[in-house]
Amino acid sequence: MNKIGRLIFGAVCIFGISQTAFAAAHIDVFDDSSISHINGTALCADKKVSVCIFGLDKLPSDAENALPGAVIYANQFMPEKDLTFSVPVDMNGYETGEYRLSVYQEREKVYDGYFPYAKPIDNKTALQGLNEVIESGDNAKITEYINNNRVKLEFSSDYDSLVSIGSAVKYIIQGAPYDINNKTACANVYKKAMLAQSFAEGKFTSVDENIGNIDVLNKSPLKDVYAEKYITDTVKQNFAAKITSLAPYASLDDFDTAVCDALILTVVNYPTGADDISSVITKIYPNFPETLLNPTVCRAVMKNSYKNLASLKTAMENVPQAGESSPSKGSGSKGGGGTPSGAVSNSVPSNSASGKDEKTETYFDDMDGAEWAKTSVDALVKKGIIAGRGNNKFAPNESITREEFVKLCVVLFKLPADSISDNAFNDVTEDMWCYPYIKTAYGAKIINGISSDEFGVGRNVTRQDAMVILNECIKNYNLTYGEGEKFADDADISDYAKSAVENMRALGIISGYTDGTFCPKNSITRAEAAKILFEADERIDEI
């Protein structure tokens, strides 16, 4: 057996050993005239990579049996130190069709699938026909043409099992007309279109399995960012879902922007520290306002989940900072933010970070039993005041903590940042997300602690304490109070809260339970908090 025969036989034997896949590895094939370039990422740097291309309609078993034409290319080599490799294969003289490609690294499978190759004349004719059918503007005809000429166009089948070609045609049309002498350009648009549509339809649970095909991630500075320490396994697991959440994409450029924004939003949601946030944003968007990237702001937004970059920026702008004035209520930009614990901000600015119009609806699917609060929740979400818990959940019956409620009040009523006082509470430190909100509220004299030196971080806010805080927020507005009746359990209301509860009832902000009680010592729920904040906001808007 000659050298090439031994190489082919060895490669085939390797290919028959293991079916183990490794998601981080990547293979991409593109043609330059009659040269097919096999680019990939190996599993490790110290083991040889084996590449084998089989003839049309041939299988590895045909190679084992030494059938003529079973293998048209086979090679073994060491990858580069960064695990990448690139192999040019001269396909001149071979027929148009789908060729099986197998790539292994010793016993581990890197890739085993098919790639299309078209003779230059076949590709040129197919591209000319594609340009003509695109001019017709008939999406059904365009889809049919692509299906009938996919191999001649050298369109990859990588994502055919995930999404329909018709669903991605909108992106392909945007790139027309295509250069009929360039085999690569249109094929790349097609692959990216199918990839974008796959993300839009939520077909991926991880980015790792597709990272090689997301070209924007392979460009500096994204490539450098993705390699940094703050891209943890948790970030990788949630990155794909965040890309999907930013769909639909108006264009493939919009998809690139969504990938960039999703990376930022995921790191914000799952940081290893506040420095991660400023580092990632600065590298991706060098012109992002520096004033929003200081430690106080980054700590305030960290571990929260935001719908898009615009809502993140709004939340950052709403973080109180010493020495800055704040617009009065009803002026300036709308507040963003919401509760911590991974809350998804559904604030809807006029344009999203990716340059497309956002829908104005919210999509909480857990409001059954709390329909009475839905209008309030939706209104505050659209203003960027309150947020969900993620996965289309608002959790209306969950309790809200003291610091969460204070943040909502600071943002809704735009308490002036120049009212920030020295920290009065031992349980509120500068590295906490709630620090600027509690300092602002304390400086504005709308809150007290549960003791002289303790705020009560982590404790649920009671219904009566929520009324006290809300009463302090709105007492300086010229509101019209009606007659406030006492609740059936008025005796249970603490003396310090009685006047606040009476005021809120006189304003029609609260009405109590159907049995006439108020239950002052109970924790207020998220739905109840949204309801009273919305009602208070409505009363002020009526002035």
Foldseek 3Di string as FASTA:
>chain_A
DDPVLVQLLVLLVLVPQDPAEDLLKDWDWDDDQQKIKIKIFAPAQPFKKKKWKAAVPADSVCSNVVPPRGTDDIDIDGADRRRMDMDIDGRPPHAWDWIWMWMAGRNYTRDTDIWTDHNLVLLLVLLVVLLVVLVVVDLVVNLVSCVVCVRSLRADCPQVVQDRLSVLVLQLSVPPDDDSNGSGPSNLSSLLSSVLVSLLVPVDQFCSNPVVSLVLCVDPPNVVLCPDPFCDPQLRRCLSVQLNLPDDANYSLLSSQSSLFSSLQSCQQPPPALQNNLVSCCRSPVPDDPVLSDLLLSLQRRNEGESTVVLSVLQSVLQQDAPDWWDFAPDDAQHADAAHQHFYQQAADCAGPSGHGDDLFAQQPPCVVVPVLVVLVSVCSNSNLHTANDPSHNQQFAFDAPLRLLSSLCRNRVQTSNLFDPQQAPVADSSHSSNRSVRSLVSLVLDAAPDRHHNRPPHFDFQLSSLSSVCSSPVPAPFDFAFFDAFPVNVPRDPVRNVSVSRCVRLVLDQDDPVRHNRRGHGRGNSNSSSSSSSSSVRRVVD
